N, C-alpha and C. Protein backbone atom coordinates (compact mmCIF):
# COMPACT_ATOMS: atom_id res chain seq x y z
N PRO A 1 128.70 127.57 90.26
CA PRO A 1 128.23 128.61 91.01
C PRO A 1 126.91 128.27 91.92
N PRO A 2 126.82 128.91 92.98
CA PRO A 2 125.67 128.65 93.91
C PRO A 2 124.34 128.87 93.23
N GLN A 3 124.28 129.90 92.35
CA GLN A 3 122.89 130.19 91.71
C GLN A 3 122.68 129.03 90.71
N THR A 4 123.58 128.57 90.14
CA THR A 4 123.40 127.38 89.17
C THR A 4 122.96 126.23 89.91
N LEU A 5 123.48 125.91 91.08
CA LEU A 5 123.08 124.82 91.88
C LEU A 5 121.70 124.88 92.40
N ARG A 6 121.29 126.14 92.87
CA ARG A 6 119.98 126.49 93.21
C ARG A 6 119.01 126.18 92.16
N LEU A 7 119.28 126.66 90.93
CA LEU A 7 118.45 126.55 89.75
C LEU A 7 118.28 124.96 89.39
N LEU A 8 119.42 124.40 89.52
CA LEU A 8 119.39 122.93 89.20
C LEU A 8 118.58 122.11 90.20
N CYS A 9 118.78 122.37 91.44
CA CYS A 9 117.98 121.66 92.54
C CYS A 9 116.48 121.98 92.30
N ARG A 10 116.08 123.20 92.01
CA ARG A 10 114.72 123.59 91.73
C ARG A 10 114.10 122.79 90.54
N GLU A 11 115.01 122.82 89.53
CA GLU A 11 114.44 122.05 88.24
C GLU A 11 114.30 120.63 88.49
N VAL A 12 115.21 120.00 89.11
CA VAL A 12 115.18 118.64 89.38
C VAL A 12 114.06 118.19 90.40
N SER A 13 113.79 119.04 91.35
CA SER A 13 112.73 118.85 92.19
C SER A 13 111.28 118.93 91.49
N LEU A 14 111.21 119.97 90.62
CA LEU A 14 109.93 120.21 89.92
C LEU A 14 109.69 119.02 88.97
N LEU A 15 110.72 118.56 88.28
CA LEU A 15 110.57 117.47 87.46
C LEU A 15 110.19 116.18 88.18
N SER A 16 110.88 115.99 89.30
CA SER A 16 110.51 114.79 90.09
C SER A 16 109.16 114.73 90.59
N ALA A 17 108.64 116.05 91.07
CA ALA A 17 107.32 116.14 91.62
C ALA A 17 106.19 116.05 90.52
N ASP A 18 106.53 116.43 89.22
CA ASP A 18 105.49 116.29 88.24
C ASP A 18 106.18 115.87 86.86
N PRO A 19 106.48 114.57 86.82
CA PRO A 19 107.28 114.22 85.54
C PRO A 19 106.28 114.01 84.45
N PRO A 20 106.94 114.05 83.26
CA PRO A 20 106.09 113.78 82.03
C PRO A 20 105.50 112.39 82.12
N ASP A 21 104.45 112.04 81.44
CA ASP A 21 103.72 110.83 81.40
C ASP A 21 104.75 109.72 81.00
N GLY A 22 104.82 108.56 81.60
CA GLY A 22 105.59 107.45 81.17
C GLY A 22 107.19 107.56 81.69
N ILE A 23 107.37 108.67 82.47
CA ILE A 23 108.82 108.83 82.90
C ILE A 23 108.78 108.87 84.45
N LYS A 24 109.85 108.26 84.99
CA LYS A 24 110.06 108.32 86.52
C LYS A 24 111.41 108.90 86.65
N VAL A 25 111.56 109.82 87.58
CA VAL A 25 112.79 110.44 87.73
C VAL A 25 113.48 110.13 89.21
N PHE A 26 114.63 109.77 89.05
CA PHE A 26 115.45 109.43 90.28
C PHE A 26 116.61 110.33 90.48
N PRO A 27 116.31 111.42 91.26
CA PRO A 27 117.38 112.48 91.57
C PRO A 27 118.50 111.71 92.38
N ASN A 28 119.63 112.06 92.39
CA ASN A 28 120.64 111.53 93.21
C ASN A 28 120.90 112.80 94.21
N ASP A 29 120.50 112.54 95.55
CA ASP A 29 120.60 113.45 96.55
C ASP A 29 122.01 113.92 96.90
N GLU A 30 123.03 112.98 96.67
CA GLU A 30 124.44 113.35 96.87
C GLU A 30 125.13 114.08 95.68
N ASP A 31 124.47 114.01 94.50
CA ASP A 31 125.08 114.61 93.48
C ASP A 31 123.87 115.18 92.47
N VAL A 32 123.60 116.40 92.64
CA VAL A 32 122.46 116.98 91.90
C VAL A 32 122.76 116.99 90.36
N THR A 33 123.83 116.90 90.06
CA THR A 33 124.21 116.93 88.58
C THR A 33 123.99 115.55 87.86
N ASP A 34 123.64 114.54 88.58
CA ASP A 34 123.44 113.20 88.15
C ASP A 34 121.97 112.83 88.43
N VAL A 35 121.27 112.84 87.18
CA VAL A 35 119.84 112.57 87.25
C VAL A 35 119.47 111.27 86.40
N GLN A 36 118.81 110.40 87.03
CA GLN A 36 118.50 109.19 86.27
C GLN A 36 117.00 109.12 86.12
N VAL A 37 116.62 108.57 85.01
CA VAL A 37 115.14 108.47 84.64
C VAL A 37 114.91 107.04 84.08
N ALA A 38 113.67 106.59 84.29
CA ALA A 38 113.17 105.33 83.56
C ALA A 38 112.14 105.75 82.72
N ILE A 39 112.11 105.38 81.45
CA ILE A 39 111.19 105.67 80.50
C ILE A 39 110.44 104.39 80.06
N GLU A 40 109.03 104.47 80.20
CA GLU A 40 108.27 103.36 79.79
C GLU A 40 108.48 103.04 78.21
N GLY A 41 108.64 101.81 77.89
CA GLY A 41 108.81 101.58 76.36
C GLY A 41 107.31 101.38 75.89
N PRO A 42 107.31 101.51 74.60
CA PRO A 42 105.94 101.67 73.90
C PRO A 42 105.27 100.31 73.92
N GLY A 43 106.03 99.11 74.44
CA GLY A 43 105.44 97.77 74.41
C GLY A 43 105.38 97.18 73.06
N ARG A 44 106.05 97.76 72.07
CA ARG A 44 106.08 97.18 70.69
C ARG A 44 107.56 97.19 70.12
N SER A 45 108.55 97.63 71.00
CA SER A 45 109.93 97.77 70.35
C SER A 45 110.76 96.60 70.66
N PRO A 46 110.86 95.61 69.73
CA PRO A 46 111.68 94.42 70.16
C PRO A 46 113.09 94.86 70.09
N PRO A 47 114.05 94.22 70.91
CA PRO A 47 113.66 93.62 72.09
C PRO A 47 113.39 94.69 73.25
N GLU A 48 112.13 94.63 73.79
CA GLU A 48 111.90 95.49 74.91
C GLU A 48 112.71 95.04 76.18
N PRO A 49 113.23 95.99 77.06
CA PRO A 49 113.98 95.53 78.12
C PRO A 49 113.13 94.92 79.19
N PRO A 50 113.74 94.19 80.24
CA PRO A 50 112.84 93.72 81.26
C PRO A 50 112.07 94.81 81.97
N GLY A 51 110.81 94.46 82.14
CA GLY A 51 109.90 95.41 82.82
C GLY A 51 109.47 96.48 81.81
N GLY A 52 109.89 96.53 80.72
CA GLY A 52 109.62 97.52 79.62
C GLY A 52 110.01 99.04 79.99
N LEU A 53 111.05 99.11 80.82
CA LEU A 53 111.62 100.32 81.30
C LEU A 53 112.94 100.61 80.66
N PHE A 54 113.18 101.67 80.01
CA PHE A 54 114.53 102.05 79.43
C PHE A 54 115.14 102.93 80.54
N ARG A 55 116.26 102.62 81.17
CA ARG A 55 117.05 103.49 82.08
C ARG A 55 117.92 104.45 81.29
N MET A 56 117.86 105.72 81.78
CA MET A 56 118.64 106.73 81.25
C MET A 56 119.34 107.62 82.17
N LYS A 57 120.41 108.23 81.83
CA LYS A 57 121.12 109.11 82.85
C LYS A 57 121.32 110.41 82.18
N LEU A 58 121.17 111.49 82.83
CA LEU A 58 121.40 112.82 82.35
C LEU A 58 122.68 113.32 83.26
N VAL A 59 123.61 113.93 82.57
CA VAL A 59 124.84 114.37 83.31
C VAL A 59 124.88 115.87 82.99
N LEU A 60 124.70 116.65 84.07
CA LEU A 60 124.69 118.10 84.01
C LEU A 60 126.15 118.70 84.26
N GLY A 61 126.71 119.23 83.24
CA GLY A 61 127.95 119.79 83.44
C GLY A 61 127.99 121.11 84.24
N LYS A 62 129.17 121.67 84.63
CA LYS A 62 129.25 122.84 85.35
C LYS A 62 128.71 124.07 84.64
N ASP A 63 128.52 124.00 83.27
CA ASP A 63 128.11 125.12 82.52
C ASP A 63 126.57 125.10 82.29
N PHE A 64 125.88 124.13 82.77
CA PHE A 64 124.48 123.91 82.73
C PHE A 64 123.83 125.02 83.43
N PRO A 65 122.78 125.80 83.00
CA PRO A 65 122.00 125.48 81.72
C PRO A 65 122.51 126.09 80.33
N ALA A 66 123.63 126.87 80.52
CA ALA A 66 124.21 127.38 79.33
C ALA A 66 124.61 126.37 78.24
N ALA A 67 125.10 125.27 78.74
CA ALA A 67 125.43 124.13 78.00
C ALA A 67 124.51 122.93 78.18
N PRO A 68 124.26 122.18 77.19
CA PRO A 68 123.24 121.25 77.23
C PRO A 68 123.75 119.98 78.21
N PRO A 69 122.88 119.32 78.74
CA PRO A 69 123.18 118.08 79.47
C PRO A 69 123.59 116.96 78.58
N LYS A 70 124.24 115.98 78.98
CA LYS A 70 124.73 114.85 78.15
C LYS A 70 123.71 113.82 78.53
N GLY A 71 123.09 113.11 77.60
CA GLY A 71 122.26 111.98 77.90
C GLY A 71 122.73 110.61 77.52
N PHE A 72 122.60 109.64 78.33
CA PHE A 72 123.01 108.41 78.05
C PHE A 72 121.99 107.32 78.48
N PHE A 73 121.84 106.34 77.51
CA PHE A 73 120.92 105.09 77.80
C PHE A 73 121.76 104.18 78.69
N LEU A 74 121.27 103.77 79.87
CA LEU A 74 121.89 102.86 80.69
C LEU A 74 121.42 101.32 80.20
N THR A 75 120.32 101.35 79.67
CA THR A 75 119.77 100.08 79.00
C THR A 75 120.21 100.01 77.64
N LYS A 76 120.67 98.90 77.28
CA LYS A 76 121.09 98.65 75.85
C LYS A 76 120.06 98.83 74.93
N ILE A 77 120.27 99.69 73.95
CA ILE A 77 119.23 100.18 72.94
C ILE A 77 119.83 100.30 71.54
N PHE A 78 119.09 99.82 70.59
CA PHE A 78 119.49 99.97 69.20
C PHE A 78 118.72 101.12 68.58
N HIS A 79 119.29 102.24 68.32
CA HIS A 79 118.64 103.35 67.88
C HIS A 79 119.65 104.06 67.02
N PRO A 80 119.25 104.83 65.80
CA PRO A 80 120.19 105.54 65.08
C PRO A 80 120.75 106.77 65.88
N ASN A 81 120.08 107.29 66.78
CA ASN A 81 120.51 108.52 67.45
C ASN A 81 121.27 108.13 68.88
N VAL A 82 121.48 106.87 68.97
CA VAL A 82 122.16 106.45 70.31
C VAL A 82 123.37 105.66 69.86
N GLY A 83 124.65 106.26 70.39
CA GLY A 83 125.78 105.70 70.15
C GLY A 83 126.06 104.32 70.80
N PRO A 84 127.21 103.62 70.50
CA PRO A 84 127.58 102.35 71.20
C PRO A 84 127.72 102.31 72.85
N SER A 85 128.11 103.63 73.08
CA SER A 85 128.28 103.79 74.56
C SER A 85 126.94 104.22 75.31
N GLY A 86 125.94 104.24 74.55
CA GLY A 86 124.67 104.71 75.12
C GLY A 86 124.35 106.30 74.98
N GLU A 87 125.51 107.04 74.50
CA GLU A 87 125.21 108.52 74.40
C GLU A 87 124.31 108.87 73.37
N ILE A 88 123.29 109.75 73.77
CA ILE A 88 122.17 110.18 72.92
C ILE A 88 122.79 111.40 72.16
N CYS A 89 122.58 111.13 70.76
CA CYS A 89 122.97 112.25 69.80
C CYS A 89 121.81 112.85 69.04
N VAL A 90 121.24 113.85 69.72
CA VAL A 90 120.14 114.49 69.07
C VAL A 90 120.41 115.99 69.16
N ASN A 91 119.75 116.68 68.18
CA ASN A 91 120.11 118.13 68.11
C ASN A 91 119.81 118.96 69.32
N VAL A 92 118.72 118.54 70.05
CA VAL A 92 118.29 119.44 71.20
C VAL A 92 119.39 119.24 72.31
N LEU A 93 120.19 118.23 72.23
CA LEU A 93 121.35 118.08 73.19
C LEU A 93 122.70 118.49 72.55
N LYS A 94 122.50 119.21 71.48
CA LYS A 94 123.75 119.66 70.73
C LYS A 94 123.62 121.08 70.27
N ARG A 95 123.33 121.22 68.95
CA ARG A 95 123.35 122.61 68.35
C ARG A 95 122.01 123.31 68.67
N ASP A 96 121.00 122.71 68.91
CA ASP A 96 119.63 123.34 69.11
C ASP A 96 119.51 123.73 70.68
N TRP A 97 120.32 123.33 71.53
CA TRP A 97 120.16 123.65 73.01
C TRP A 97 119.96 125.15 73.20
N ARG A 98 119.10 125.51 74.10
CA ARG A 98 119.08 126.93 74.47
C ARG A 98 118.89 126.79 76.03
N ALA A 99 119.55 127.61 76.97
CA ALA A 99 119.43 127.61 78.32
C ALA A 99 118.08 127.71 78.82
N GLU A 100 117.09 128.35 78.12
CA GLU A 100 115.74 128.40 78.72
C GLU A 100 114.92 127.12 78.52
N LEU A 101 115.40 126.17 77.72
CA LEU A 101 114.63 124.92 77.45
C LEU A 101 114.54 124.15 78.78
N GLY A 102 115.55 123.94 79.48
CA GLY A 102 115.38 123.22 80.91
C GLY A 102 115.47 121.65 80.71
N LEU A 103 115.34 120.97 81.84
CA LEU A 103 115.31 119.60 81.83
C LEU A 103 114.11 118.97 81.31
N ARG A 104 112.98 119.56 81.62
CA ARG A 104 111.67 119.02 81.19
C ARG A 104 111.54 118.89 79.72
N HIS A 105 112.30 119.73 78.95
CA HIS A 105 112.20 119.68 77.53
C HIS A 105 113.02 118.43 77.00
N VAL A 106 114.10 118.15 77.71
CA VAL A 106 114.81 117.05 77.35
C VAL A 106 114.05 115.70 77.45
């Protein structure tokens, strides 16, 4: 729906303009539902990826914000909350999601 796309464009724009510390946002101008980010590693998590940046992708479905985004690490990472495909399995992206949380919370 158009109102969802407007909300999404606004949220991605705000997040890109003022990202949380240690995070760079790369919006996809051709597909607003595809948002990629780079997260600075803590510098102590072996093996740290090249450049110390973990690449991640947020996929926003047609029901966003009522339904949570799906998060995937594009950088190989070994973590109990990250599946073999890179899918992030945390409660905020599952049962604890609320529409008012928005992308910044993720």
